[in-house]
Amino acid sequence: MQKFYKVFLVVFIVFIAINLYALDWQTDLLSEDNLKFVFSIAAAVLGLILLFVLDTWSRIGVKK
């Protein structure tokens, strides 16, 4: 994995961790207070998926 991808991997994991910490676990997950954190977690997970897809594509293009 290139350094560029590693930086974004750490950023996305930090975003997920911060939003998991900020969730109010006593209320419903899709309540109005938690919804912004859930959307942010979902966006970070999509970013992680895209990151691994781009990393895989960059490895396919490299000739040995």
C-alpha atoms as a PDB file:
ATOM      1  CA  MET A   1       0.000   0.000   0.000  1.00  0.00           C
ATOM      2  CA  GLN A   2       1.386   3.373  -0.978  1.00  0.00           C
ATOM      3  CA  LYS A   3       2.014   6.099   1.573  1.00  0.00           C
ATOM      4  CA  PHE A   4      -0.802   8.172   0.028  1.00  0.00           C
ATOM      5  CA  TYR A   5      -3.320   5.410   0.719  1.00  0.00           C
ATOM      6  CA  LYS A   6      -1.968   4.790   4.212  1.00  0.00           C
ATOM      7  CA  VAL A   7      -2.558   8.428   5.159  1.00  0.00           C
ATOM      8  CA  PHE A   8      -6.196   8.252   4.096  1.00  0.00           C
ATOM      9  CA  LEU A   9      -6.595   4.883   5.818  1.00  0.00           C
ATOM     10  CA  VAL A  10      -5.560   6.462   9.111  1.00  0.00           C
ATOM     11  CA  VAL A  11      -7.788   9.502   8.513  1.00  0.00           C
ATOM     12  CA  PHE A  12     -10.867   7.368   7.829  1.00  0.00           C
ATOM     13  CA  ILE A  13     -10.225   5.153  10.849  1.00  0.00           C
ATOM     14  CA  VAL A  14      -9.845   8.228  13.069  1.00  0.00           C
ATOM     15  CA  PHE A  15     -13.120   9.668  11.726  1.00  0.00           C
ATOM     16  CA  ILE A  16     -14.916   6.417  12.469  1.00  0.00           C
ATOM     17  CA  ALA A  17     -13.454   6.241  15.978  1.00  0.00           C
ATOM     18  CA  ILE A  18     -14.371   9.834  16.825  1.00  0.00           C
ATOM     19  CA  ASN A  19     -17.933   9.379  15.586  1.00  0.00           C
ATOM     20  CA  LEU A  20     -18.362   6.094  17.443  1.00  0.00           C
ATOM     21  CA  TYR A  21     -17.231   7.871  20.606  1.00  0.00           C
ATOM     22  CA  ALA A  22     -19.662  10.751  19.982  1.00  0.00           C
ATOM     23  CA  LEU A  23     -22.715   8.509  19.539  1.00  0.00           C
ATOM     24  CA  ASP A  24     -25.254   8.518  22.334  1.00  0.00           C
ATOM     25  CA  TRP A  25     -25.675   4.808  22.985  1.00  0.00           C
ATOM     26  CA  GLN A  26     -28.648   5.319  25.322  1.00  0.00           C
ATOM     27  CA  THR A  27     -30.908   6.539  22.526  1.00  0.00           C
ATOM     28  CA  ASP A  28     -31.950   4.968  19.256  1.00  0.00           C
ATOM     29  CA  LEU A  29     -29.217   4.714  16.623  1.00  0.00           C
ATOM     30  CA  LEU A  30     -31.292   6.599  14.043  1.00  0.00           C
ATOM     31  CA  SER A  31     -32.527   9.302  16.411  1.00  0.00           C
ATOM     32  CA  GLU A  32     -32.150  12.915  15.379  1.00  0.00           C
ATOM     33  CA  ASP A  33     -29.165  13.458  17.689  1.00  0.00           C
ATOM     34  CA  ASN A  34     -27.240  10.445  16.398  1.00  0.00           C
ATOM     35  CA  LEU A  35     -28.103  10.725  12.730  1.00  0.00           C
ATOM     36  CA  LYS A  36     -25.268  13.112  11.832  1.00  0.00           C
ATOM     37  CA  PHE A  37     -22.733  10.754  13.408  1.00  0.00           C
ATOM     38  CA  VAL A  38     -24.229   7.738  11.636  1.00  0.00           C
ATOM     39  CA  PHE A  39     -24.003   9.524   8.272  1.00  0.00           C
ATOM     40  CA  SER A  40     -20.414  10.491   8.999  1.00  0.00           C
ATOM     41  CA  ILE A  41     -19.534   6.897   9.897  1.00  0.00           C
ATOM     42  CA  ALA A  42     -21.230   5.669   6.721  1.00  0.00           C
ATOM     43  CA  ALA A  43     -19.261   8.165   4.633  1.00  0.00           C
ATOM     44  CA  ALA A  44     -15.998   7.062   6.262  1.00  0.00           C
ATOM     45  CA  VAL A  45     -16.822   3.392   5.606  1.00  0.00           C
ATOM     46  CA  LEU A  46     -17.551   4.212   1.957  1.00  0.00           C
ATOM     47  CA  GLY A  47     -14.235   6.049   1.860  1.00  0.00           C
ATOM     48  CA  LEU A  48     -12.478   2.952   3.216  1.00  0.00           C
ATOM     49  CA  ILE A  49     -14.098   0.767   0.575  1.00  0.00           C
ATOM     50  CA  LEU A  50     -13.107   3.210  -2.158  1.00  0.00           C
ATOM     51  CA  LEU A  51      -9.588   3.355  -0.750  1.00  0.00           C
ATOM     52  CA  PHE A  52      -9.155  -0.409  -1.001  1.00  0.00           C
ATOM     53  CA  VAL A  53     -10.638  -0.455  -4.516  1.00  0.00           C
ATOM     54  CA  LEU A  54      -8.218   2.247  -5.668  1.00  0.00           C
ATOM     55  CA  ASP A  55      -5.302   0.451  -4.030  1.00  0.00           C
ATOM     56  CA  THR A  56      -6.248  -2.782  -5.773  1.00  0.00           C
ATOM     57  CA  TRP A  57      -6.557  -1.005  -9.123  1.00  0.00           C
ATOM     58  CA  SER A  58      -3.134   0.585  -8.673  1.00  0.00           C
ATOM     59  CA  ARG A  59      -1.607  -2.841  -7.998  1.00  0.00           C
ATOM     60  CA  ILE A  60      -3.230  -4.343 -11.096  1.00  0.00           C
ATOM     61  CA  GLY A  61      -1.639  -1.700 -13.321  1.00  0.00           C
ATOM     62  CA  VAL A  62       1.901  -2.282 -12.005  1.00  0.00           C
ATOM     63  CA  LYS A  63       3.977  -4.589 -14.194  1.00  0.00           C
ATOM     64  CA  LYS A  64       6.544  -6.779 -12.513  1.00  0.00           C
END
